[in-house]
């Protein structure tokens, strides 16, 4: 049964990928850096979520209201373009810290994204075969503070 489900996932992923073209290097440069957003846990307590994107790796860290690290995972990713949409495909996700530490998810998952000004807009659950409910997340570019100049 697991092999049938795995095959179905690969077929869906292949269908999505064949309708899209590899993204140019400028797309990777546009999203690289650290992005942050606010969220909340199941009890409504505030969380700060930070995502660091390098050329092919996404690292997500979640901090509680006291600034303690409560979750950390990483995944490989690649970008593609479909007509007027950009596709972010991540895979080989591994939870490195938190309650689900050690959990691995090799199956590819994807979402539509857009970068506008200092915002990374992520929309999940709208692709034809998505099983997730639609969800919109807006990340803000974390700009480093310039160090004081020496006199």
N, C-alpha and C. Protein backbone atom coordinates (compact mmCIF):
# COMPACT_ATOMS: atom_id res chain seq x y z
N UNK A 1 0.82 -1.20 0.00
CA UNK A 1 0.00 0.00 0.00
C UNK A 1 0.87 1.27 0.00
N UNK A 2 1.96 1.22 0.79
CA UNK A 2 2.84 2.40 0.83
C UNK A 2 3.46 2.67 -0.53
N UNK A 3 3.82 1.60 -1.25
CA UNK A 3 4.45 1.80 -2.56
C UNK A 3 3.46 2.40 -3.56
N UNK A 4 2.17 2.05 -3.45
CA UNK A 4 1.15 2.63 -4.33
C UNK A 4 1.00 4.12 -4.03
N UNK A 5 0.96 4.46 -2.74
CA UNK A 5 0.83 5.87 -2.36
C UNK A 5 2.07 6.66 -2.81
N UNK A 6 3.24 6.05 -2.65
CA UNK A 6 4.47 6.71 -3.08
C UNK A 6 4.50 6.93 -4.58
N UNK A 7 4.05 5.93 -5.33
CA UNK A 7 3.99 6.06 -6.78
C UNK A 7 3.01 7.16 -7.19
N UNK A 8 1.87 7.23 -6.51
CA UNK A 8 0.88 8.27 -6.82
C UNK A 8 1.47 9.66 -6.57
N UNK A 9 2.19 9.82 -5.48
CA UNK A 9 2.81 11.11 -5.15
C UNK A 9 3.83 11.47 -6.24
N UNK A 10 4.63 10.52 -6.65
CA UNK A 10 5.63 10.80 -7.68
C UNK A 10 4.98 11.16 -9.01
N UNK A 11 3.88 10.52 -9.36
CA UNK A 11 3.19 10.84 -10.60
C UNK A 11 2.60 12.25 -10.58
N UNK A 12 2.00 12.63 -9.45
CA UNK A 12 1.45 13.99 -9.30
C UNK A 12 2.57 15.00 -9.40
N UNK A 13 3.66 14.74 -8.69
CA UNK A 13 4.80 15.65 -8.70
C UNK A 13 5.36 15.78 -10.11
N UNK A 14 5.47 14.67 -10.84
CA UNK A 14 5.99 14.71 -12.21
C UNK A 14 5.07 15.52 -13.11
N UNK A 15 3.77 15.41 -12.91
CA UNK A 15 2.81 16.17 -13.74
C UNK A 15 2.98 17.67 -13.50
N UNK A 16 3.15 18.05 -12.24
CA UNK A 16 3.34 19.47 -11.92
C UNK A 16 4.65 19.96 -12.52
N UNK A 17 5.68 19.15 -12.39
CA UNK A 17 7.00 19.57 -12.86
C UNK A 17 7.08 19.67 -14.38
N UNK A 18 6.36 18.82 -15.10
CA UNK A 18 6.43 18.89 -16.55
C UNK A 18 5.70 20.09 -17.10
N UNK A 19 4.77 20.64 -16.33
CA UNK A 19 4.04 21.84 -16.77
C UNK A 19 4.82 23.10 -16.45
N UNK A 20 5.95 22.96 -15.78
CA UNK A 20 6.74 24.10 -15.36
C UNK A 20 8.15 23.99 -15.94
N UNK A 21 8.81 25.13 -16.02
CA UNK A 21 10.18 25.18 -16.50
C UNK A 21 11.10 25.55 -15.35
N UNK A 22 12.35 25.10 -15.38
CA UNK A 22 13.29 25.49 -14.33
C UNK A 22 13.41 27.02 -14.26
N UNK A 23 13.50 27.52 -13.04
CA UNK A 23 13.62 28.97 -12.85
C UNK A 23 15.05 29.40 -13.14
N UNK A 24 15.22 30.63 -13.62
CA UNK A 24 16.58 31.15 -13.85
C UNK A 24 17.26 31.47 -12.51
N UNK A 25 18.56 31.62 -12.56
CA UNK A 25 19.35 31.89 -11.36
C UNK A 25 18.86 33.15 -10.63
N UNK A 26 18.36 34.13 -11.37
CA UNK A 26 17.91 35.38 -10.73
C UNK A 26 16.76 35.13 -9.75
N UNK A 27 15.94 34.09 -9.97
CA UNK A 27 14.86 33.78 -9.03
C UNK A 27 15.45 33.33 -7.68
N UNK A 28 16.52 32.53 -7.73
CA UNK A 28 17.17 32.07 -6.50
C UNK A 28 17.81 33.25 -5.76
N UNK A 29 18.41 34.15 -6.52
CA UNK A 29 19.03 35.33 -5.91
C UNK A 29 17.98 36.22 -5.25
N UNK A 30 16.82 36.33 -5.88
CA UNK A 30 15.75 37.18 -5.36
C UNK A 30 15.24 36.70 -4.00
N UNK A 31 15.17 35.39 -3.81
CA UNK A 31 14.61 34.88 -2.55
C UNK A 31 15.66 34.57 -1.50
N UNK A 32 16.93 34.60 -1.87
CA UNK A 32 17.96 34.24 -0.88
C UNK A 32 18.00 35.26 0.25
N UNK A 33 18.31 34.77 1.43
CA UNK A 33 18.38 35.62 2.61
C UNK A 33 17.51 35.08 3.73
N UNK A 34 17.23 35.93 4.68
CA UNK A 34 16.42 35.54 5.85
C UNK A 34 15.09 36.27 5.79
N UNK A 35 14.01 35.50 5.94
CA UNK A 35 12.64 36.00 5.91
C UNK A 35 11.98 35.67 7.24
N UNK A 36 11.14 36.56 7.74
CA UNK A 36 10.48 36.34 9.03
C UNK A 36 8.98 36.59 8.91
N UNK A 37 8.23 35.93 9.77
CA UNK A 37 6.79 36.16 9.88
C UNK A 37 6.36 35.82 11.29
N UNK A 38 5.21 36.33 11.67
CA UNK A 38 4.64 36.02 12.97
C UNK A 38 3.54 34.98 12.80
N UNK A 39 3.38 34.15 13.82
CA UNK A 39 2.36 33.11 13.82
C UNK A 39 1.92 32.91 15.27
N UNK A 40 1.19 31.86 15.53
CA UNK A 40 0.80 31.53 16.90
C UNK A 40 0.69 30.02 17.03
N UNK A 41 0.84 29.53 18.25
CA UNK A 41 0.74 28.09 18.47
C UNK A 41 -0.72 27.69 18.70
N UNK A 42 -0.97 26.44 19.01
CA UNK A 42 -2.33 25.92 19.18
C UNK A 42 -3.08 26.61 20.31
N UNK A 43 -2.34 27.16 21.29
CA UNK A 43 -2.96 27.84 22.43
C UNK A 43 -3.09 29.35 22.20
N UNK A 44 -2.65 29.82 21.05
CA UNK A 44 -2.76 31.24 20.73
C UNK A 44 -1.55 32.07 21.12
N UNK A 45 -0.52 31.45 21.68
CA UNK A 45 0.68 32.19 22.07
C UNK A 45 1.46 32.58 20.81
N UNK A 46 2.04 33.78 20.82
CA UNK A 46 2.76 34.24 19.62
C UNK A 46 4.03 33.45 19.35
N UNK A 47 4.32 33.29 18.08
CA UNK A 47 5.54 32.64 17.62
C UNK A 47 6.20 33.53 16.58
N UNK A 48 7.51 33.47 16.53
CA UNK A 48 8.27 34.14 15.46
C UNK A 48 8.88 33.04 14.61
N UNK A 49 8.65 33.10 13.31
CA UNK A 49 9.15 32.08 12.39
C UNK A 49 10.17 32.74 11.47
N UNK A 50 11.33 32.12 11.37
CA UNK A 50 12.41 32.64 10.55
C UNK A 50 12.79 31.58 9.51
N UNK A 51 12.92 32.00 8.26
CA UNK A 51 13.31 31.09 7.20
C UNK A 51 14.55 31.64 6.50
N UNK A 52 15.59 30.83 6.45
CA UNK A 52 16.81 31.21 5.75
C UNK A 52 16.87 30.41 4.45
N UNK A 53 16.93 31.12 3.34
CA UNK A 53 17.00 30.49 2.03
C UNK A 53 18.37 30.73 1.41
N UNK A 54 19.08 29.65 1.14
CA UNK A 54 20.33 29.71 0.39
C UNK A 54 20.02 29.13 -0.99
N UNK A 55 20.99 28.89 -1.80
CA UNK A 55 20.78 28.46 -3.19
C UNK A 55 19.87 27.24 -3.32
N UNK A 56 20.00 26.26 -2.44
CA UNK A 56 19.19 25.05 -2.59
C UNK A 56 18.69 24.48 -1.26
N UNK A 57 18.79 25.25 -0.18
CA UNK A 57 18.40 24.77 1.14
C UNK A 57 17.54 25.79 1.87
N UNK A 58 16.46 25.32 2.44
CA UNK A 58 15.57 26.14 3.26
C UNK A 58 15.69 25.67 4.70
N UNK A 59 15.98 26.60 5.61
CA UNK A 59 16.06 26.28 7.03
C UNK A 59 15.01 27.13 7.74
N UNK A 60 14.10 26.46 8.44
CA UNK A 60 13.02 27.15 9.15
C UNK A 60 13.20 26.94 10.65
N UNK A 61 13.17 28.05 11.40
CA UNK A 61 13.30 28.00 12.85
C UNK A 61 12.12 28.74 13.46
N UNK A 62 11.53 28.15 14.50
CA UNK A 62 10.39 28.76 15.18
C UNK A 62 10.81 29.09 16.61
N UNK A 63 10.49 30.33 17.04
CA UNK A 63 10.80 30.79 18.39
C UNK A 63 9.51 31.10 19.13
N UNK A 64 9.47 30.76 20.43
CA UNK A 64 8.28 31.08 21.23
C UNK A 64 8.32 32.54 21.66
N UNK A 65 7.34 32.95 22.44
CA UNK A 65 7.22 34.37 22.83
C UNK A 65 8.39 34.84 23.69
N UNK A 66 9.13 33.90 24.30
CA UNK A 66 10.29 34.26 25.11
C UNK A 66 11.59 34.19 24.31
N UNK A 67 11.47 33.90 23.02
CA UNK A 67 12.65 33.84 22.18
C UNK A 67 13.36 32.49 22.19
N UNK A 68 12.75 31.48 22.79
CA UNK A 68 13.35 30.15 22.84
C UNK A 68 13.05 29.40 21.54
N UNK A 69 14.03 28.69 21.05
CA UNK A 69 13.87 27.90 19.83
C UNK A 69 13.03 26.66 20.16
N UNK A 70 11.88 26.52 19.49
CA UNK A 70 10.98 25.39 19.77
C UNK A 70 10.87 24.42 18.59
N UNK A 71 11.37 24.81 17.44
CA UNK A 71 11.32 23.93 16.26
C UNK A 71 12.36 24.40 15.25
N UNK A 72 12.95 23.41 14.58
CA UNK A 72 13.89 23.73 13.50
C UNK A 72 13.86 22.59 12.49
N UNK A 73 13.66 22.93 11.22
CA UNK A 73 13.73 21.92 10.17
C UNK A 73 14.43 22.49 8.95
N UNK A 74 14.86 21.61 8.09
CA UNK A 74 15.46 22.04 6.83
C UNK A 74 14.98 21.14 5.71
N UNK A 75 15.01 21.67 4.51
CA UNK A 75 14.61 20.92 3.32
C UNK A 75 15.37 21.44 2.12
N UNK A 76 15.58 20.58 1.16
CA UNK A 76 16.13 21.00 -0.11
C UNK A 76 14.98 21.58 -0.92
N UNK A 77 15.29 22.44 -1.86
CA UNK A 77 14.23 23.00 -2.70
C UNK A 77 14.76 23.35 -4.08
N UNK A 78 13.81 23.56 -4.97
CA UNK A 78 14.13 24.10 -6.29
C UNK A 78 12.96 24.95 -6.74
N UNK A 79 13.23 25.85 -7.65
CA UNK A 79 12.22 26.78 -8.15
C UNK A 79 11.89 26.47 -9.60
N UNK A 80 10.62 26.70 -9.94
CA UNK A 80 10.19 26.55 -11.32
C UNK A 80 9.22 27.68 -11.65
N UNK A 81 9.04 27.89 -12.94
CA UNK A 81 8.07 28.89 -13.41
C UNK A 81 7.01 28.20 -14.24
N UNK A 82 5.76 28.62 -14.02
CA UNK A 82 4.62 28.14 -14.80
C UNK A 82 3.90 29.37 -15.31
N UNK A 83 3.89 29.58 -16.61
CA UNK A 83 3.22 30.74 -17.21
C UNK A 83 3.37 31.98 -16.33
N UNK A 84 2.32 32.38 -15.61
CA UNK A 84 2.36 33.59 -14.79
C UNK A 84 2.63 33.31 -13.31
N UNK A 85 2.98 32.09 -12.97
CA UNK A 85 3.18 31.73 -11.55
C UNK A 85 4.58 31.17 -11.34
N UNK A 86 5.05 31.33 -10.11
CA UNK A 86 6.33 30.76 -9.72
C UNK A 86 6.07 29.67 -8.70
N UNK A 87 6.79 28.58 -8.83
CA UNK A 87 6.57 27.40 -8.02
C UNK A 87 7.80 27.11 -7.17
N UNK A 88 7.57 26.88 -5.89
CA UNK A 88 8.61 26.53 -4.92
C UNK A 88 8.36 25.07 -4.56
N UNK A 89 9.31 24.19 -4.87
CA UNK A 89 9.15 22.77 -4.59
C UNK A 89 10.20 22.38 -3.56
N UNK A 90 9.75 21.87 -2.41
CA UNK A 90 10.70 21.44 -1.39
C UNK A 90 10.54 19.94 -1.15
N UNK A 91 11.64 19.32 -0.72
CA UNK A 91 11.68 17.87 -0.55
C UNK A 91 12.80 17.51 0.43
N UNK A 92 12.85 16.26 0.83
CA UNK A 92 13.84 15.79 1.81
C UNK A 92 13.81 16.63 3.08
N UNK A 93 12.60 16.95 3.53
CA UNK A 93 12.45 17.73 4.76
C UNK A 93 12.83 16.87 5.96
N UNK A 94 13.60 17.45 6.88
CA UNK A 94 14.01 16.76 8.10
C UNK A 94 13.87 17.70 9.28
N UNK A 95 13.16 17.23 10.33
CA UNK A 95 13.00 18.02 11.56
C UNK A 95 14.23 17.76 12.42
N UNK A 96 14.95 18.84 12.75
CA UNK A 96 16.20 18.74 13.50
C UNK A 96 16.04 19.06 14.97
N UNK A 97 14.98 19.78 15.33
CA UNK A 97 14.77 20.17 16.72
C UNK A 97 13.28 20.36 16.97
N UNK A 98 12.83 20.01 18.17
CA UNK A 98 11.43 20.18 18.52
C UNK A 98 10.75 18.84 18.77
N UNK A 99 9.45 18.87 19.01
CA UNK A 99 8.72 17.64 19.37
C UNK A 99 8.77 16.55 18.29
N UNK A 100 8.91 16.92 17.04
CA UNK A 100 8.95 15.93 15.95
C UNK A 100 10.38 15.65 15.47
N UNK A 101 11.36 15.92 16.32
CA UNK A 101 12.76 15.75 15.95
C UNK A 101 12.98 14.35 15.36
N UNK A 102 13.70 14.32 14.23
CA UNK A 102 14.00 13.06 13.57
C UNK A 102 13.02 12.69 12.47
N UNK A 103 11.87 13.35 12.43
CA UNK A 103 10.88 13.05 11.39
C UNK A 103 11.43 13.49 10.04
N UNK A 104 11.24 12.64 9.04
CA UNK A 104 11.71 12.95 7.69
C UNK A 104 10.54 12.82 6.72
N UNK A 105 10.52 13.70 5.74
CA UNK A 105 9.49 13.67 4.71
C UNK A 105 10.17 13.87 3.36
N UNK A 106 10.50 12.77 2.68
CA UNK A 106 11.22 12.90 1.40
C UNK A 106 10.33 13.35 0.24
N UNK A 107 9.02 13.14 0.33
CA UNK A 107 8.11 13.45 -0.79
C UNK A 107 8.10 14.95 -1.09
N UNK A 108 8.15 15.30 -2.35
CA UNK A 108 8.10 16.72 -2.72
C UNK A 108 6.74 17.34 -2.44
N UNK A 109 6.77 18.59 -2.01
CA UNK A 109 5.57 19.39 -1.80
C UNK A 109 5.83 20.74 -2.45
N UNK A 110 4.78 21.38 -2.90
CA UNK A 110 5.00 22.63 -3.61
C UNK A 110 3.94 23.67 -3.27
N UNK A 111 4.31 24.92 -3.52
CA UNK A 111 3.39 26.04 -3.35
C UNK A 111 3.74 27.12 -4.35
N UNK A 112 2.79 28.01 -4.56
CA UNK A 112 2.99 29.18 -5.42
C UNK A 112 3.58 30.29 -4.56
N UNK A 113 4.50 31.06 -5.12
CA UNK A 113 5.07 32.18 -4.36
C UNK A 113 5.23 33.39 -5.27
N UNK A 114 5.41 34.51 -4.60
CA UNK A 114 5.69 35.77 -5.30
C UNK A 114 6.52 36.65 -4.37
N UNK A 115 7.46 37.36 -4.93
CA UNK A 115 8.23 38.33 -4.15
C UNK A 115 7.83 39.71 -4.63
N UNK A 116 7.40 40.53 -3.68
CA UNK A 116 7.00 41.90 -4.01
C UNK A 116 7.60 42.80 -2.94
N UNK A 117 8.45 43.72 -3.37
CA UNK A 117 9.17 44.60 -2.45
C UNK A 117 9.93 43.73 -1.45
N UNK A 118 9.67 43.91 -0.16
CA UNK A 118 10.36 43.14 0.88
C UNK A 118 9.50 42.01 1.41
N UNK A 119 8.54 41.55 0.59
CA UNK A 119 7.64 40.48 1.05
C UNK A 119 7.79 39.24 0.17
N UNK A 120 7.80 38.09 0.82
CA UNK A 120 7.76 36.80 0.15
C UNK A 120 6.36 36.25 0.44
N UNK A 121 5.54 36.17 -0.59
CA UNK A 121 4.14 35.77 -0.42
C UNK A 121 4.03 34.31 -0.83
N UNK A 122 3.58 33.49 0.10
CA UNK A 122 3.49 32.04 -0.09
C UNK A 122 2.03 31.61 -0.04
N UNK A 123 1.57 30.89 -1.06
CA UNK A 123 0.19 30.41 -1.09
C UNK A 123 0.20 28.90 -1.26
N UNK A 124 -0.31 28.22 -0.25
CA UNK A 124 -0.38 26.76 -0.26
C UNK A 124 -1.81 26.32 -0.50
N UNK A 125 -1.97 25.08 -0.93
CA UNK A 125 -3.29 24.46 -1.02
C UNK A 125 -4.14 24.89 -2.20
N UNK A 126 -3.55 25.49 -3.25
CA UNK A 126 -4.37 25.91 -4.39
C UNK A 126 -4.03 25.18 -5.68
N UNK A 127 -2.96 24.39 -5.66
CA UNK A 127 -2.64 23.61 -6.85
C UNK A 127 -3.65 22.48 -6.97
N UNK A 128 -3.89 22.01 -8.17
CA UNK A 128 -4.95 21.03 -8.44
C UNK A 128 -4.96 19.83 -7.51
N UNK A 129 -3.81 19.25 -7.22
CA UNK A 129 -3.79 18.03 -6.41
C UNK A 129 -3.42 18.27 -4.94
N UNK A 130 -3.44 19.52 -4.48
CA UNK A 130 -3.14 19.80 -3.08
C UNK A 130 -4.21 19.22 -2.17
N UNK A 131 -3.74 18.60 -1.10
CA UNK A 131 -4.66 18.07 -0.10
C UNK A 131 -4.81 19.03 1.08
N UNK A 132 -3.90 20.00 1.16
CA UNK A 132 -3.95 21.00 2.23
C UNK A 132 -5.05 22.02 1.95
N UNK A 133 -5.58 22.59 3.00
CA UNK A 133 -6.52 23.70 2.85
C UNK A 133 -5.74 24.93 2.39
N UNK A 134 -6.36 25.81 1.62
CA UNK A 134 -5.65 27.02 1.18
C UNK A 134 -5.15 27.84 2.36
N UNK A 135 -3.93 28.35 2.21
CA UNK A 135 -3.31 29.12 3.28
C UNK A 135 -2.38 30.15 2.65
N UNK A 136 -2.46 31.38 3.13
CA UNK A 136 -1.61 32.47 2.67
C UNK A 136 -0.66 32.85 3.80
N UNK A 137 0.63 32.95 3.49
CA UNK A 137 1.63 33.39 4.47
C UNK A 137 2.46 34.49 3.85
N UNK A 138 2.70 35.53 4.61
CA UNK A 138 3.53 36.63 4.14
C UNK A 138 4.76 36.73 5.03
N UNK A 139 5.91 36.60 4.40
CA UNK A 139 7.21 36.70 5.07
C UNK A 139 7.79 38.07 4.74
N UNK A 140 8.52 38.65 5.69
CA UNK A 140 9.17 39.94 5.49
C UNK A 140 10.68 39.74 5.48
N UNK A 141 11.34 40.42 4.56
CA UNK A 141 12.80 40.30 4.43
C UNK A 141 13.44 40.87 5.69
N UNK A 142 14.32 40.11 6.31
CA UNK A 142 15.04 40.55 7.49
C UNK A 142 16.29 41.26 7.02
N UNK A 143 16.30 42.56 7.20
CA UNK A 143 17.44 43.35 6.74
C UNK A 143 18.39 43.57 7.91
N UNK A 144 19.67 43.26 7.70
CA UNK A 144 20.64 43.47 8.78
C UNK A 144 20.76 44.95 9.13
N UNK A 145 20.94 45.18 10.41
CA UNK A 145 21.14 46.56 10.88
C UNK A 145 22.57 46.95 10.56
N UNK A 146 22.75 48.12 9.99
CA UNK A 146 24.10 48.59 9.67
C UNK A 146 24.86 48.91 10.95
N UNK A 147 26.11 48.41 11.07
CA UNK A 147 26.90 48.71 12.26
C UNK A 147 27.26 50.20 12.29
N UNK A 148 27.43 50.76 13.50
CA UNK A 148 27.79 52.18 13.58
C UNK A 148 29.13 52.43 12.91
N UNK A 149 29.23 53.59 12.30
CA UNK A 149 30.48 53.97 11.61
C UNK A 149 31.50 54.46 12.63
N UNK A 150 32.74 54.11 12.35
CA UNK A 150 33.81 54.61 13.23
C UNK A 150 34.18 56.03 12.82
N UNK A 151 34.50 56.84 13.82
CA UNK A 151 34.88 58.23 13.55
C UNK A 151 36.32 58.36 13.18
